[in-house]
Each structure stands twice: as C-alpha cells, then as structure tokens.
Amino acid sequence: IIAYYIRMALAKLGEECIAKIRDRS
C-alpha cells in the first residue's frame, strides 16, 4: 500500500513537471 501511494504521488508530480516544461508560452 505504501509503495503504491509513493509511486502514484511521484507519477503525478512527474506529469505536472512535464506540463510545466512543455506548455510554456
């Protein structure tokens, strides 16, 4: 359970990072 929630939190953060990097003006 702990491993699952850690992986999901890191993946969500990764998706947010990609959006911040790629989607700039």
PDB file of all heavy atoms in Angstrom:
ATOM      1  N   ILE A   1       0.833  -1.206   0.000  1.00  0.00           N
ATOM      2  CA  ILE A   1       0.000   0.000   0.000  1.00  0.00           C
ATOM      3  C   ILE A   1       0.867   1.256   0.000  1.00  0.00           C
ATOM      4  O   ILE A   1       0.641   2.186  -0.784  1.00  0.00           O
ATOM      5  CB  ILE A   1      -0.972  -0.003   1.202  1.00  0.00           C
ATOM      6  CG1 ILE A   1      -2.041  -1.084   0.996  1.00  0.00           C
ATOM      7  CG2 ILE A   1      -1.601   1.374   1.415  1.00  0.00           C
ATOM      8  CD1 ILE A   1      -2.877  -1.386   2.223  1.00  0.00           C
ATOM      9  N   ILE A   2       1.877   1.287   0.857  1.00  0.00           N
ATOM     10  CA  ILE A   2       2.766   2.459   0.926  1.00  0.00           C
ATOM     11  C   ILE A   2       3.481   2.654  -0.410  1.00  0.00           C
ATOM     12  O   ILE A   2       3.550   3.767  -0.934  1.00  0.00           O
ATOM     13  CB  ILE A   2       3.768   2.316   2.090  1.00  0.00           C
ATOM     14  CG1 ILE A   2       3.020   2.429   3.427  1.00  0.00           C
ATOM     15  CG2 ILE A   2       4.885   3.356   1.985  1.00  0.00           C
ATOM     16  CD1 ILE A   2       3.846   2.027   4.637  1.00  0.00           C
ATOM     17  N   ALA A   3       4.002   1.583  -0.982  1.00  0.00           N
ATOM     18  CA  ALA A   3       4.713   1.677  -2.267  1.00  0.00           C
ATOM     19  C   ALA A   3       3.786   2.218  -3.350  1.00  0.00           C
ATOM     20  O   ALA A   3       4.191   3.062  -4.163  1.00  0.00           O
ATOM     21  CB  ALA A   3       5.263   0.308  -2.672  1.00  0.00           C
ATOM     22  N   TYR A   4       2.545   1.769  -3.364  1.00  0.00           N
ATOM     23  CA  TYR A   4       1.584   2.240  -4.356  1.00  0.00           C
ATOM     24  C   TYR A   4       1.375   3.750  -4.240  1.00  0.00           C
ATOM     25  O   TYR A   4       1.442   4.476  -5.235  1.00  0.00           O
ATOM     26  CB  TYR A   4       0.248   1.513  -4.184  1.00  0.00           C
ATOM     27  CG  TYR A   4      -0.859   2.131  -5.001  1.00  0.00           C
ATOM     28  CD1 TYR A   4      -0.985   1.863  -6.354  1.00  0.00           C
ATOM     29  CD2 TYR A   4      -1.774   3.007  -4.415  1.00  0.00           C
ATOM     30  CE1 TYR A   4      -1.986   2.449  -7.117  1.00  0.00           C
ATOM     31  CE2 TYR A   4      -2.782   3.592  -5.164  1.00  0.00           C
ATOM     32  CZ  TYR A   4      -2.887   3.307  -6.513  1.00  0.00           C
ATOM     33  OH  TYR A   4      -3.873   3.888  -7.260  1.00  0.00           O
ATOM     34  N   TYR A   5       1.134   4.236  -3.050  1.00  0.00           N
ATOM     35  CA  TYR A   5       0.870   5.662  -2.872  1.00  0.00           C
ATOM     36  C   TYR A   5       2.111   6.519  -3.168  1.00  0.00           C
ATOM     37  O   TYR A   5       1.986   7.625  -3.698  1.00  0.00           O
ATOM     38  CB  TYR A   5       0.312   5.956  -1.481  1.00  0.00           C
ATOM     39  CG  TYR A   5      -1.160   5.648  -1.401  1.00  0.00           C
ATOM     40  CD1 TYR A   5      -1.632   4.468  -0.843  1.00  0.00           C
ATOM     41  CD2 TYR A   5      -2.095   6.541  -1.923  1.00  0.00           C
ATOM     42  CE1 TYR A   5      -2.988   4.185  -0.797  1.00  0.00           C
ATOM     43  CE2 TYR A   5      -3.450   6.262  -1.879  1.00  0.00           C
ATOM     44  CZ  TYR A   5      -3.890   5.083  -1.313  1.00  0.00           C
ATOM     45  OH  TYR A   5      -5.235   4.814  -1.280  1.00  0.00           O
ATOM     46  N   ILE A   6       3.284   6.021  -2.865  1.00  0.00           N
ATOM     47  CA  ILE A   6       4.516   6.748  -3.211  1.00  0.00           C
ATOM     48  C   ILE A   6       4.652   6.824  -4.726  1.00  0.00           C
ATOM     49  O   ILE A   6       4.905   7.899  -5.285  1.00  0.00           O
ATOM     50  CB  ILE A   6       5.755   6.076  -2.585  1.00  0.00           C
ATOM     51  CG1 ILE A   6       5.760   6.293  -1.071  1.00  0.00           C
ATOM     52  CG2 ILE A   6       7.043   6.619  -3.210  1.00  0.00           C
ATOM     53  CD1 ILE A   6       6.838   5.514  -0.332  1.00  0.00           C
ATOM     54  N   ARG A   7       4.472   5.700  -5.404  1.00  0.00           N
ATOM     55  CA  ARG A   7       4.580   5.699  -6.878  1.00  0.00           C
ATOM     56  C   ARG A   7       3.568   6.647  -7.509  1.00  0.00           C
ATOM     57  O   ARG A   7       3.900   7.400  -8.433  1.00  0.00           O
ATOM     58  CB  ARG A   7       4.378   4.286  -7.435  1.00  0.00           C
ATOM     59  CG  ARG A   7       5.546   3.360  -7.200  1.00  0.00           C
ATOM     60  CD  ARG A   7       5.397   2.064  -7.984  1.00  0.00           C
ATOM     61  NE  ARG A   7       4.127   1.404  -7.808  1.00  0.00           N
ATOM     62  CZ  ARG A   7       3.879   0.450  -6.919  1.00  0.00           C
ATOM     63  NH1 ARG A   7       4.821   0.040  -6.097  1.00  0.00           N
ATOM     64  NH2 ARG A   7       2.683  -0.113  -6.852  1.00  0.00           N
ATOM     65  N   MET A   8       2.337   6.628  -7.017  1.00  0.00           N
ATOM     66  CA  MET A   8       1.307   7.496  -7.606  1.00  0.00           C
ATOM     67  C   MET A   8       1.607   8.972  -7.361  1.00  0.00           C
ATOM     68  O   MET A   8       1.407   9.808  -8.250  1.00  0.00           O
ATOM     69  CB  MET A   8      -0.078   7.146  -7.042  1.00  0.00           C
ATOM     70  CG  MET A   8      -0.599   5.774  -7.465  1.00  0.00           C
ATOM     71  SD  MET A   8      -0.737   5.575  -9.248  1.00  0.00           S
ATOM     72  CE  MET A   8       0.683   4.558  -9.599  1.00  0.00           C
ATOM     73  N   ALA A   9       2.109   9.306  -6.177  1.00  0.00           N
ATOM     74  CA  ALA A   9       2.447  10.708  -5.885  1.00  0.00           C
ATOM     75  C   ALA A   9       3.591  11.179  -6.780  1.00  0.00           C
ATOM     76  O   ALA A   9       3.550  12.294  -7.312  1.00  0.00           O
ATOM     77  CB  ALA A   9       2.828  10.861  -4.412  1.00  0.00           C
ATOM     78  N   LEU A  10       4.598  10.335  -6.968  1.00  0.00           N
ATOM     79  CA  LEU A  10       5.720  10.717  -7.818  1.00  0.00           C
ATOM     80  C   LEU A  10       5.296  10.817  -9.279  1.00  0.00           C
ATOM     81  O   LEU A  10       5.731  11.727  -9.999  1.00  0.00           O
ATOM     82  CB  LEU A  10       6.877   9.730  -7.648  1.00  0.00           C
ATOM     83  CG  LEU A  10       7.568   9.756  -6.280  1.00  0.00           C
ATOM     84  CD1 LEU A  10       8.624   8.659  -6.198  1.00  0.00           C
ATOM     85  CD2 LEU A  10       8.168  11.120  -5.973  1.00  0.00           C
ATOM     86  N   ALA A  11       4.439   9.910  -9.731  1.00  0.00           N
ATOM     87  CA  ALA A  11       3.964   9.966 -11.122  1.00  0.00           C
ATOM     88  C   ALA A  11       3.149  11.230 -11.373  1.00  0.00           C
ATOM     89  O   ALA A  11       3.305  11.885 -12.411  1.00  0.00           O
ATOM     90  CB  ALA A  11       3.147   8.724 -11.453  1.00  0.00           C
ATOM     91  N   LYS A  12       2.292  11.585 -10.424  1.00  0.00           N
ATOM     92  CA  LYS A  12       1.503  12.807 -10.580  1.00  0.00           C
ATOM     93  C   LYS A  12       2.426  14.029 -10.644  1.00  0.00           C
ATOM     94  O   LYS A  12       2.236  14.924 -11.476  1.00  0.00           O
ATOM     95  CB  LYS A  12       0.507  12.957  -9.439  1.00  0.00           C
ATOM     96  CG  LYS A  12      -0.422  14.162  -9.582  1.00  0.00           C
ATOM     97  CD  LYS A  12      -1.481  14.168  -8.488  1.00  0.00           C
ATOM     98  CE  LYS A  12      -2.525  15.219  -8.723  1.00  0.00           C
ATOM     99  NZ  LYS A  12      -2.114  16.567  -8.413  1.00  0.00           N
ATOM    100  N   LEU A  13       3.427  14.052  -9.799  1.00  0.00           N
ATOM    101  CA  LEU A  13       4.398  15.144  -9.822  1.00  0.00           C
ATOM    102  C   LEU A  13       5.152  15.160 -11.155  1.00  0.00           C
ATOM    103  O   LEU A  13       5.394  16.228 -11.732  1.00  0.00           O
ATOM    104  CB  LEU A  13       5.365  15.023  -8.642  1.00  0.00           C
ATOM    105  CG  LEU A  13       6.355  16.150  -8.443  1.00  0.00           C
ATOM    106  CD1 LEU A  13       5.670  17.497  -8.317  1.00  0.00           C
ATOM    107  CD2 LEU A  13       7.213  15.867  -7.209  1.00  0.00           C
ATOM    108  N   GLY A  14       5.498  13.999 -11.677  1.00  0.00           N
ATOM    109  CA  GLY A  14       6.155  13.916 -12.977  1.00  0.00           C
ATOM    110  C   GLY A  14       5.294  14.493 -14.086  1.00  0.00           C
ATOM    111  O   GLY A  14       5.783  15.243 -14.947  1.00  0.00           O
ATOM    112  N   GLU A  15       4.005  14.165 -14.077  1.00  0.00           N
ATOM    113  CA  GLU A  15       3.083  14.704 -15.090  1.00  0.00           C
ATOM    114  C   GLU A  15       2.993  16.222 -14.984  1.00  0.00           C
ATOM    115  O   GLU A  15       2.968  16.930 -15.999  1.00  0.00           O
ATOM    116  CB  GLU A  15       1.689  14.089 -14.947  1.00  0.00           C
ATOM    117  CG  GLU A  15       1.622  12.620 -15.302  1.00  0.00           C
ATOM    118  CD  GLU A  15       1.862  12.335 -16.780  1.00  0.00           C
ATOM    119  OE1 GLU A  15       1.614  13.221 -17.626  1.00  0.00           O
ATOM    120  OE2 GLU A  15       2.310  11.216 -17.084  1.00  0.00           O
ATOM    121  N   GLU A  16       2.957  16.726 -13.764  1.00  0.00           N
ATOM    122  CA  GLU A  16       2.908  18.178 -13.572  1.00  0.00           C
ATOM    123  C   GLU A  16       4.195  18.843 -14.065  1.00  0.00           C
ATOM    124  O   GLU A  16       4.147  19.929 -14.651  1.00  0.00           O
ATOM    125  CB  GLU A  16       2.669  18.508 -12.102  1.00  0.00           C
ATOM    126  CG  GLU A  16       1.276  18.149 -11.633  1.00  0.00           C
ATOM    127  CD  GLU A  16       1.110  18.346 -10.143  1.00  0.00           C
ATOM    128  OE1 GLU A  16       1.712  17.573  -9.357  1.00  0.00           O
ATOM    129  OE2 GLU A  16       0.379  19.278  -9.770  1.00  0.00           O
ATOM    130  N   CYS A  17       5.321  18.191 -13.845  1.00  0.00           N
ATOM    131  CA  CYS A  17       6.597  18.734 -14.327  1.00  0.00           C
ATOM    132  C   CYS A  17       6.601  18.819 -15.848  1.00  0.00           C
ATOM    133  O   CYS A  17       7.009  19.840 -16.412  1.00  0.00           O
ATOM    134  CB  CYS A  17       7.767  17.869 -13.845  1.00  0.00           C
ATOM    135  SG  CYS A  17       8.138  18.042 -12.087  1.00  0.00           S
ATOM    136  N   ILE A  18       6.165  17.772 -16.498  1.00  0.00           N
ATOM    137  CA  ILE A  18       6.128  17.782 -17.967  1.00  0.00           C
ATOM    138  C   ILE A  18       5.245  18.926 -18.462  1.00  0.00           C
ATOM    139  O   ILE A  18       5.623  19.656 -19.380  1.00  0.00           O
ATOM    140  CB  ILE A  18       5.621  16.435 -18.516  1.00  0.00           C
ATOM    141  CG1 ILE A  18       6.661  15.361 -18.287  1.00  0.00           C
ATOM    142  CG2 ILE A  18       5.300  16.537 -20.003  1.00  0.00           C
ATOM    143  CD1 ILE A  18       6.184  13.983 -18.663  1.00  0.00           C
ATOM    144  N   ALA A  19       4.086  19.082 -17.863  1.00  0.00           N
ATOM    145  CA  ALA A  19       3.185  20.161 -18.271  1.00  0.00           C
ATOM    146  C   ALA A  19       3.846  21.522 -18.081  1.00  0.00           C
ATOM    147  O   ALA A  19       3.767  22.387 -18.956  1.00  0.00           O
ATOM    148  CB  ALA A  19       1.874  20.081 -17.496  1.00  0.00           C
ATOM    149  N   LYS A  20       4.533  21.719 -16.946  1.00  0.00           N
ATOM    150  CA  LYS A  20       5.195  22.999 -16.689  1.00  0.00           C
ATOM    151  C   LYS A  20       6.291  23.277 -17.723  1.00  0.00           C
ATOM    152  O   LYS A  20       6.484  24.410 -18.132  1.00  0.00           O
ATOM    153  CB  LYS A  20       5.803  23.025 -15.281  1.00  0.00           C
ATOM    154  CG  LYS A  20       4.820  23.251 -14.180  1.00  0.00           C
ATOM    155  CD  LYS A  20       5.562  23.293 -12.853  1.00  0.00           C
ATOM    156  CE  LYS A  20       4.713  23.868 -11.763  1.00  0.00           C
ATOM    157  NZ  LYS A  20       4.302  25.243 -11.968  1.00  0.00           N
ATOM    158  N   ILE A  21       7.003  22.241 -18.117  1.00  0.00           N
ATOM    159  CA  ILE A  21       8.119  22.426 -19.047  1.00  0.00           C
ATOM    160  C   ILE A  21       7.627  22.623 -20.477  1.00  0.00           C
ATOM    161  O   ILE A  21       8.050  23.533 -21.177  1.00  0.00           O
ATOM    162  CB  ILE A  21       9.081  21.219 -18.986  1.00  0.00           C
ATOM    163  CG1 ILE A  21       9.712  21.109 -17.596  1.00  0.00           C
ATOM    164  CG2 ILE A  21      10.163  21.342 -20.057  1.00  0.00           C
ATOM    165  CD1 ILE A  21      10.374  19.774 -17.316  1.00  0.00           C
ATOM    166  N   ARG A  22       6.734  21.783 -20.899  1.00  0.00           N
ATOM    167  CA  ARG A  22       6.300  21.790 -22.302  1.00  0.00           C
ATOM    168  C   ARG A  22       5.326  22.900 -22.645  1.00  0.00           C
ATOM    169  O   ARG A  22       5.322  23.396 -23.763  1.00  0.00           O
ATOM    170  CB  ARG A  22       5.612  20.463 -22.649  1.00  0.00           C
ATOM    171  CG  ARG A  22       6.561  19.348 -22.942  1.00  0.00           C
ATOM    172  CD  ARG A  22       5.781  18.188 -23.465  1.00  0.00           C
ATOM    173  NE  ARG A  22       6.669  17.153 -23.962  1.00  0.00           N
ATOM    174  CZ  ARG A  22       6.247  16.043 -24.502  1.00  0.00           C
ATOM    175  NH1 ARG A  22       4.960  15.817 -24.625  1.00  0.00           N
ATOM    176  NH2 ARG A  22       7.101  15.144 -24.933  1.00  0.00           N
ATOM    177  N   ASP A  23       4.472  23.268 -21.722  1.00  0.00           N
ATOM    178  CA  ASP A  23       3.344  24.149 -22.034  1.00  0.00           C
ATOM    179  C   ASP A  23       3.596  25.610 -21.692  1.00  0.00           C
ATOM    180  O   ASP A  23       2.707  26.305 -21.224  1.00  0.00           O
ATOM    181  CB  ASP A  23       2.084  23.645 -21.322  1.00  0.00           C
ATOM    182  CG  ASP A  23       1.698  22.243 -21.759  1.00  0.00           C
ATOM    183  OD1 ASP A  23       2.099  21.841 -22.867  1.00  0.00           O
ATOM    184  OD2 ASP A  23       0.999  21.557 -20.999  1.00  0.00           O
ATOM    185  N   ARG A  24       4.777  26.080 -21.958  1.00  0.00           N
ATOM    186  CA  ARG A  24       5.098  27.481 -21.708  1.00  0.00           C
ATOM    187  C   ARG A  24       4.817  28.310 -22.956  1.00  0.00           C
ATOM    188  O   ARG A  24       4.869  27.809 -24.070  1.00  0.00           O
ATOM    189  CB  ARG A  24       6.576  27.627 -21.371  1.00  0.00           C
ATOM    190  CG  ARG A  24       6.958  26.964 -20.085  1.00  0.00           C
ATOM    191  CD  ARG A  24       8.409  27.250 -19.799  1.00  0.00           C
ATOM    192  NE  ARG A  24       8.815  26.520 -18.614  1.00  0.00           N
ATOM    193  CZ  ARG A  24       9.939  25.834 -18.518  1.00  0.00           C
ATOM    194  NH1 ARG A  24      10.784  25.805 -19.513  1.00  0.00           N
ATOM    195  NH2 ARG A  24      10.233  25.204 -17.418  1.00  0.00           N
ATOM    196  N   SER A  25       4.601  29.576 -22.731  1.00  0.00           N
ATOM    197  CA  SER A  25       4.443  30.475 -23.875  1.00  0.00           C
ATOM    198  C   SER A  25       5.797  30.651 -24.553  1.00  0.00           C
ATOM    199  O   SER A  25       6.846  30.380 -23.965  1.00  0.00           O
ATOM    200  CB  SER A  25       3.913  31.830 -23.406  1.00  0.00           C
ATOM    201  OG  SER A  25       4.920  32.513 -22.680  1.00  0.00           O
TER     202      SER A  25
END
